[in-house]
């Protein structure tokens, strides 16, 4: 499956890596995030950019400081990622979507 709006990044361990996902998948992720208590999603486009930044870090294995500026400020992304870790957001997303076979 090709990305609808592919974004390629250079540098770090993820040279040329595409870190985006189809809109249909994003709609499902966003809907679930909005249901989680104590989570500030903000603007959907900004949240999608944040999620793409997290995927880039996880897939590339790079340090946060190497995050391409197109994703936003690395420290802001890292702080939000850490808050979501502390609140168990990533675990909740994993358990919810691992039950779905098509995502």
Protein backbone atom coordinates (compact mmCIF):
# COMPACT_ATOMS: atom_id res chain seq x y z
CA UNK A 1 0.00 0.00 0.00
CA UNK A 2 1.42 3.37 -0.99
CA UNK A 3 1.19 6.45 1.18
CA UNK A 4 -1.30 9.06 0.05
CA UNK A 5 1.15 11.85 0.80
CA UNK A 6 4.57 10.24 1.14
CA UNK A 7 7.18 12.16 3.07
CA UNK A 8 10.75 10.98 2.77
CA UNK A 9 13.40 11.82 5.32
CA UNK A 10 17.16 11.75 5.13
CA UNK A 11 19.69 11.35 7.90
CA UNK A 12 19.94 9.16 10.94
CA UNK A 13 19.17 5.50 10.45
CA UNK A 14 16.10 6.18 8.35
CA UNK A 15 17.50 7.54 5.12
CA UNK A 16 14.71 7.81 2.60
CA UNK A 17 12.18 6.23 4.95
CA UNK A 18 8.49 6.97 4.50
CA UNK A 19 6.58 7.45 7.76
CA UNK A 20 2.98 8.10 6.93
CA UNK A 21 -0.19 6.08 6.76
CA UNK A 22 -3.44 6.20 4.79
CA UNK A 23 -6.17 8.61 5.82
CA UNK A 24 -8.58 5.75 6.60
CA UNK A 25 -6.16 4.38 9.19
CA UNK A 26 -5.55 7.84 10.63
CA UNK A 27 -9.29 8.42 11.08
CA UNK A 28 -9.49 5.24 13.18
CA UNK A 29 -6.47 6.18 15.27
CA UNK A 30 -7.74 9.72 15.85
CA UNK A 31 -11.20 8.48 16.85
CA UNK A 32 -9.68 6.15 19.43
CA UNK A 33 -7.33 8.84 20.77
CA UNK A 34 -10.24 11.20 21.33
CA UNK A 35 -11.92 8.57 23.53
CA UNK A 36 -8.94 8.24 25.87
CA UNK A 37 -9.35 10.21 29.10
CA UNK A 38 -6.76 12.84 29.96
CA UNK A 39 -5.28 12.97 26.45
CA UNK A 40 -5.09 16.28 24.62
CA UNK A 41 -5.26 15.54 20.91
CA UNK A 42 -5.36 19.16 19.71
CA UNK A 43 -5.64 19.84 16.01
CA UNK A 44 -5.91 16.61 13.98
CA UNK A 45 -3.20 17.68 11.52
CA UNK A 46 -0.78 18.52 14.33
CA UNK A 47 -1.52 15.23 16.07
CA UNK A 48 -0.94 13.35 12.83
CA UNK A 49 2.39 15.14 12.42
CA UNK A 50 3.29 14.12 15.99
CA UNK A 51 2.37 10.49 15.34
CA UNK A 52 4.45 10.52 12.14
CA UNK A 53 7.39 11.91 14.11
CA UNK A 54 7.08 9.11 16.66
CA UNK A 55 6.93 6.52 13.90
CA UNK A 56 10.01 8.04 12.28
CA UNK A 57 11.96 7.78 15.53
CA UNK A 58 10.79 4.23 16.21
CA UNK A 59 11.46 2.98 12.69
CA UNK A 60 14.79 4.74 12.20
CA UNK A 61 16.23 4.10 15.66
CA UNK A 62 17.61 7.63 15.62
CA UNK A 63 18.06 9.94 18.56
CA UNK A 64 15.34 12.50 19.21
CA UNK A 65 17.73 15.36 18.38
CA UNK A 66 18.09 13.97 14.83
CA UNK A 67 14.34 14.25 14.16
CA UNK A 68 13.87 16.20 10.91
CA UNK A 69 12.53 19.72 11.51
CA UNK A 70 9.59 18.99 9.21
CA UNK A 71 8.06 17.09 12.15
CA UNK A 72 8.37 20.00 14.54
CA UNK A 73 10.68 20.73 17.44
CA UNK A 74 12.28 17.51 18.62
CA UNK A 75 12.06 18.43 22.30
CA UNK A 76 8.33 19.19 22.10
CA UNK A 77 7.72 15.89 20.30
CA UNK A 78 9.80 14.04 22.90
CA UNK A 79 7.97 15.64 25.83
CA UNK A 80 4.57 14.73 24.37
CA UNK A 81 5.79 11.19 23.63
CA UNK A 82 6.96 10.86 27.24
CA UNK A 83 3.65 12.16 28.62
CA UNK A 84 1.76 9.65 26.50
CA UNK A 85 4.08 6.88 27.76
CA UNK A 86 3.40 7.86 31.37
CA UNK A 87 -0.36 7.83 30.74
CA UNK A 88 -0.26 4.47 28.97
CA UNK A 89 -1.52 5.83 25.65
CA UNK A 90 0.80 3.68 23.53
CA UNK A 91 -0.19 0.51 25.41
CA UNK A 92 -3.87 1.36 24.99
CA UNK A 93 -3.44 1.98 21.27
CA UNK A 94 -1.55 -1.28 20.86
CA UNK A 95 -4.13 -3.36 22.71
CA UNK A 96 -7.04 -1.71 20.89
CA UNK A 97 -5.65 -2.01 17.37
CA UNK A 98 -4.05 -5.43 17.81
CA UNK A 99 -7.61 -6.75 18.04
CA UNK A 100 -8.32 -5.41 14.54
CA UNK A 101 -6.96 -7.60 11.78
CA UNK A 102 -7.16 -5.00 9.01
CA UNK A 103 -5.14 -2.14 10.52
